[in-house]
Structure formats: C-alpha cells, structure tokens
N, C-alpha and C. Protein backbone atom coordinates (compact mmCIF):
# COMPACT_ATOMS: atom_id res chain seq x y z
N UNK A 1 111.80 94.39 93.70
CA UNK A 1 110.92 94.78 95.04
C UNK A 1 109.67 93.59 95.09
N UNK A 2 108.65 93.55 96.72
CA UNK A 2 107.79 93.17 97.15
C UNK A 2 106.98 93.93 97.91
N UNK A 3 105.78 93.93 97.53
CA UNK A 3 104.39 94.46 98.02
C UNK A 3 103.07 93.47 98.01
N UNK A 4 102.53 93.68 99.18
CA UNK A 4 101.46 93.03 99.77
C UNK A 4 100.64 94.35 99.76
N UNK A 5 99.53 93.80 99.16
CA UNK A 5 97.81 94.54 99.04
C UNK A 5 96.69 94.19 100.04
N UNK A 6 96.22 94.73 100.21
CA UNK A 6 94.88 94.54 100.87
C UNK A 6 93.91 94.26 100.44
N UNK A 7 92.75 93.61 99.78
CA UNK A 7 91.95 94.68 98.80
C UNK A 7 90.40 93.75 99.61
N UNK A 8 89.61 94.06 98.54
CA UNK A 8 88.43 94.24 99.63
C UNK A 8 87.46 92.76 98.56
N UNK A 9 86.67 92.43 98.99
CA UNK A 9 85.81 91.00 98.12
C UNK A 9 87.01 89.87 97.50
N UNK A 10 87.84 89.25 98.23
CA UNK A 10 88.20 88.31 98.22
C UNK A 10 87.92 87.66 98.96
N UNK A 11 87.41 86.39 98.22
CA UNK A 11 86.06 85.73 99.42
C UNK A 11 86.93 84.44 99.87
N UNK A 12 87.41 83.90 97.97
CA UNK A 12 87.32 82.22 97.96
C UNK A 12 88.61 81.71 97.17
N UNK A 13 88.82 80.52 96.99
CA UNK A 13 90.44 79.55 95.89
C UNK A 13 89.54 80.91 94.42
N UNK A 14 88.41 80.84 94.13
CA UNK A 14 88.25 80.79 92.43
C UNK A 14 88.99 82.42 92.77
N UNK A 15 88.22 83.59 93.54
CA UNK A 15 88.60 84.96 93.14
C UNK A 15 90.32 84.80 93.56
N UNK A 16 90.41 83.72 94.05
CA UNK A 16 92.83 83.83 94.56
C UNK A 16 93.27 83.68 92.67
N UNK A 17 92.55 82.12 92.84
CA UNK A 17 92.95 81.67 91.01
C UNK A 17 93.16 82.91 90.32
N UNK A 18 91.55 83.63 90.17
CA UNK A 18 91.49 84.37 89.22
C UNK A 18 92.58 85.51 89.25
N UNK A 19 93.06 86.26 90.10
CA UNK A 19 93.97 87.24 90.01
C UNK A 19 95.05 86.82 90.35
N UNK A 20 95.42 85.32 90.98
CA UNK A 20 96.77 84.86 90.58
C UNK A 20 96.66 84.98 89.14
N UNK A 21 96.29 84.12 88.12
CA UNK A 21 96.23 84.16 86.50
C UNK A 21 96.65 85.24 86.31
N UNK A 22 95.58 86.66 86.33
CA UNK A 22 95.43 88.10 85.79
C UNK A 22 97.17 88.22 85.99
N UNK A 23 97.38 89.19 87.36
CA UNK A 23 98.70 89.15 87.48
C UNK A 23 99.89 88.69 87.23
N UNK A 24 99.69 87.42 87.23
CA UNK A 24 100.91 86.68 86.15
C UNK A 24 101.45 86.63 85.04
N UNK A 25 100.12 87.25 84.66
CA UNK A 25 100.01 87.54 83.27
C UNK A 25 101.44 89.10 82.46
N UNK A 26 100.93 89.23 84.10
CA UNK A 26 101.42 91.07 83.61
C UNK A 26 103.31 90.68 83.25
N UNK A 27 103.74 91.53 82.64
CA UNK A 27 104.56 91.61 82.95
C UNK A 27 105.76 92.57 83.86
N UNK A 28 106.71 91.89 84.21
CA UNK A 28 107.82 92.27 84.82
C UNK A 28 106.96 92.05 86.82
N UNK A 29 105.66 91.05 86.51
CA UNK A 29 105.37 90.37 87.97
C UNK A 29 105.39 89.48 87.81
N UNK A 30 105.84 88.95 89.03
CA UNK A 30 106.39 87.93 89.46
C UNK A 30 105.91 87.54 91.10
N UNK A 31 105.69 85.72 91.72
CA UNK A 31 105.87 85.52 92.63
C UNK A 31 104.61 85.98 93.21
N UNK A 32 103.42 86.04 92.67
CA UNK A 32 101.59 86.53 92.65
C UNK A 32 101.69 85.34 93.81
N UNK A 33 101.01 85.58 95.64
CA UNK A 33 100.92 84.78 96.33
C UNK A 33 99.44 85.52 96.78
N UNK A 34 98.25 84.56 96.69
CA UNK A 34 97.01 85.64 97.15
C UNK A 34 96.26 84.47 98.42
N UNK A 35 95.37 85.10 99.31
CA UNK A 35 95.52 84.33 100.55
C UNK A 35 94.36 84.93 101.05
N UNK A 36 93.23 84.22 100.50
CA UNK A 36 92.10 84.70 100.80
C UNK A 36 90.66 84.93 102.16
N UNK A 37 92.20 83.76 103.07
CA UNK A 37 91.86 84.76 104.79
C UNK A 37 91.71 85.77 105.26
N UNK A 38 92.89 86.10 104.66
CA UNK A 38 93.34 87.65 104.88
C UNK A 38 92.97 88.67 103.72
N UNK A 39 92.85 88.94 102.92
CA UNK A 39 92.17 89.13 102.11
C UNK A 39 94.01 89.65 100.83
N UNK A 40 95.10 88.87 100.99
CA UNK A 40 96.10 89.57 100.52
C UNK A 40 96.66 89.38 99.35
N UNK A 41 97.31 90.34 98.67
CA UNK A 41 97.70 89.80 97.57
C UNK A 41 99.41 90.63 97.83
N UNK A 42 99.66 89.15 97.46
CA UNK A 42 101.69 89.74 97.27
C UNK A 42 102.12 89.27 96.17
N UNK A 43 103.00 89.91 95.71
CA UNK A 43 103.59 89.73 94.41
C UNK A 43 105.01 90.88 94.41
N UNK A 44 106.02 90.61 93.69
CA UNK A 44 107.09 91.13 92.89
C UNK A 44 106.94 91.86 91.96
N UNK A 45 107.64 92.62 91.61
CA UNK A 45 107.62 94.49 90.90
C UNK A 45 108.89 94.74 90.45
N UNK A 46 109.10 95.57 89.25
CA UNK A 46 109.98 96.11 89.40
C UNK A 46 110.18 97.91 89.46
N UNK A 47 109.47 98.20 88.97
CA UNK A 47 109.54 99.53 89.31
C UNK A 47 107.95 100.11 89.21
N UNK A 48 107.69 101.63 90.36
CA UNK A 48 106.22 102.13 90.79
C UNK A 48 105.47 102.01 89.60
N UNK A 49 105.55 102.00 88.60
CA UNK A 49 104.94 102.31 87.04
C UNK A 49 103.84 100.57 87.47
N UNK A 50 104.90 99.36 87.30
CA UNK A 50 104.31 97.94 87.69
C UNK A 50 103.79 98.21 88.91
N UNK A 51 103.58 98.88 90.02
CA UNK A 51 102.36 98.30 90.98
C UNK A 51 101.51 99.38 91.01
N UNK A 52 101.78 100.25 89.82
CA UNK A 52 100.31 101.16 89.75
C UNK A 52 99.54 100.44 88.99
N UNK A 53 100.50 99.90 87.56
CA UNK A 53 99.42 98.75 86.69
C UNK A 53 98.56 97.63 87.48
N UNK A 54 99.84 96.97 88.86
CA UNK A 54 98.43 95.87 89.14
C UNK A 54 97.32 96.50 90.24
N UNK A 55 98.20 97.37 90.89
CA UNK A 55 96.47 98.10 91.71
C UNK A 55 95.16 98.29 90.46
N UNK A 56 96.01 99.11 89.14
CA UNK A 56 94.15 98.88 88.71
C UNK A 56 93.90 98.20 88.29
N UNK A 57 94.36 96.78 87.33
CA UNK A 57 94.62 95.61 87.21
C UNK A 57 93.27 94.77 88.19
N UNK A 58 93.85 94.93 89.25
CA UNK A 58 92.73 94.34 90.14
C UNK A 58 91.46 95.17 90.90
N UNK A 59 91.40 96.67 90.09
CA UNK A 59 90.31 97.62 90.17
C UNK A 59 89.52 96.57 89.01
N UNK A 60 89.92 96.32 88.27
CA UNK A 60 89.57 96.25 87.04
C UNK A 60 88.42 94.51 87.22
N UNK A 61 89.47 94.07 87.52
CA UNK A 61 88.75 92.63 88.32
C UNK A 61 87.91 92.76 89.70
N UNK A 62 88.14 93.53 89.96
CA UNK A 62 86.41 93.93 91.15
C UNK A 62 87.33 93.90 92.68
N UNK A 63 88.60 93.98 92.46
CA UNK A 63 89.40 93.48 94.32
C UNK A 63 90.37 94.75 94.15
N UNK A 64 89.08 96.00 94.58
CA UNK A 64 90.17 97.33 95.18
C UNK A 64 90.33 97.28 96.17
N UNK A 65 92.06 97.64 96.37
CA UNK A 65 92.49 97.58 97.99
C UNK A 65 91.57 98.62 99.07
N UNK A 66 91.93 98.15 100.05
CA UNK A 66 91.02 99.13 101.10
C UNK A 66 91.44 100.36 101.15
N UNK A 67 91.80 100.90 100.23
CA UNK A 67 92.51 101.85 100.27
C UNK A 67 91.19 103.19 98.84
N UNK A 68 90.65 102.15 98.82
CA UNK A 68 90.01 102.67 97.24
C UNK A 68 88.61 102.60 97.75
N UNK A 69 87.42 103.12 96.89
CA UNK A 69 85.97 103.17 96.94
C UNK A 69 85.47 101.58 96.65
N UNK A 70 84.80 100.74 97.42
CA UNK A 70 84.45 99.59 97.12
C UNK A 70 82.83 99.93 96.45
N UNK A 71 82.96 100.12 94.87
CA UNK A 71 81.62 100.47 94.71
C UNK A 71 80.65 99.32 94.41
N UNK A 72 79.21 98.97 94.04
CA UNK A 72 78.84 98.25 93.22
C UNK A 72 79.27 97.77 92.32
N UNK A 73 79.65 98.73 91.80
CA UNK A 73 80.48 98.15 89.91
C UNK A 73 81.75 96.95 90.77
N UNK A 74 82.57 97.23 91.19
CA UNK A 74 83.40 96.82 91.83
C UNK A 74 83.02 95.21 92.44
N UNK A 75 82.44 95.58 93.27
CA UNK A 75 81.31 94.09 93.64
C UNK A 75 80.70 92.86 92.52
N UNK A 76 80.71 93.53 92.01
CA UNK A 76 79.81 93.06 90.67
C UNK A 76 81.12 92.00 89.84
N UNK A 77 82.05 92.82 89.33
CA UNK A 77 82.78 91.97 88.89
C UNK A 77 83.26 91.50 89.67
N UNK A 78 84.01 91.50 90.46
CA UNK A 78 84.19 89.99 91.05
C UNK A 78 83.62 89.18 91.64
N UNK A 79 82.46 89.45 91.42
CA UNK A 79 81.57 88.47 90.97
C UNK A 79 81.51 87.32 89.67
N UNK A 80 81.90 87.95 89.12
CA UNK A 80 81.96 87.84 87.52
C UNK A 80 83.94 86.78 87.68
N UNK A 81 84.54 87.70 88.33
CA UNK A 81 85.54 87.59 88.33
C UNK A 81 86.42 85.48 88.99
N UNK A 82 85.33 86.24 90.50
CA UNK A 82 85.41 84.51 90.90
C UNK A 82 84.67 83.63 90.00
N UNK A 83 83.55 83.45 89.85
CA UNK A 83 82.81 82.53 89.00
C UNK A 83 84.07 81.78 88.15
N UNK A 84 84.92 82.86 87.21
CA UNK A 84 85.93 83.10 86.57
C UNK A 84 86.91 81.86 87.24
N UNK A 85 87.11 82.21 88.28
CA UNK A 85 88.10 81.16 88.56
C UNK A 85 88.25 80.17 89.28
N UNK A 86 87.20 80.02 89.54
CA UNK A 86 86.35 78.27 89.45
C UNK A 86 86.01 77.37 88.61
N UNK A 87 85.20 78.12 87.65
CA UNK A 87 85.18 77.16 86.62
C UNK A 87 86.71 77.25 85.60
N UNK A 88 87.68 77.62 85.67
CA UNK A 88 89.19 77.69 85.34
C UNK A 88 89.84 76.71 86.03
N UNK A 89 89.50 75.33 87.22
CA UNK A 89 90.27 74.32 87.89
C UNK A 89 91.17 73.91 86.91
C-alpha cells in the first residue's frame, strides 16, 4: 500500500534527506519520496501497524502530520533533524 502524509516543519533538502534516510531504515517501508515544496512524505508500507510506526517516527523527528499538534519541541527537533540532513551530504 502507499500513503502520502502532509507534515509540518518540512522546509528544505536537509529535512527531506533526514526523513528519507530515517524512514528507509524502517522494516517494511520502501519507496520513500519527500517533496519539501509540498511538505509531503510518500512511502509504501505493508500493514496499518507500519503506517502507525512511520507517523510516530515522523513525530519523533520533528515532522508531525498536519493532523497533529506542532509543539515547540517538534519545531526544535525538526531544526536538529534538518541540520543533521544538511551535514549528511
């Protein structure tokens, strides 16, 4: 199955690189495509449990879906994730 999620705090290629790397490491997750201009994250998954795990991973990275609250902690985490992605070129 495929899913597209609109996330918050996604601003640049550094953010996209971190999200792509972290989601691609997950079991049963593939075909990860991140489009910063649209704030979208698209991926293939196997079960609803996999989908839940991706959403939780995005929150932990600082990129909650638009359905979730965007806290100050989320914004701070996304800043760190973005910087990590920029350095991982």
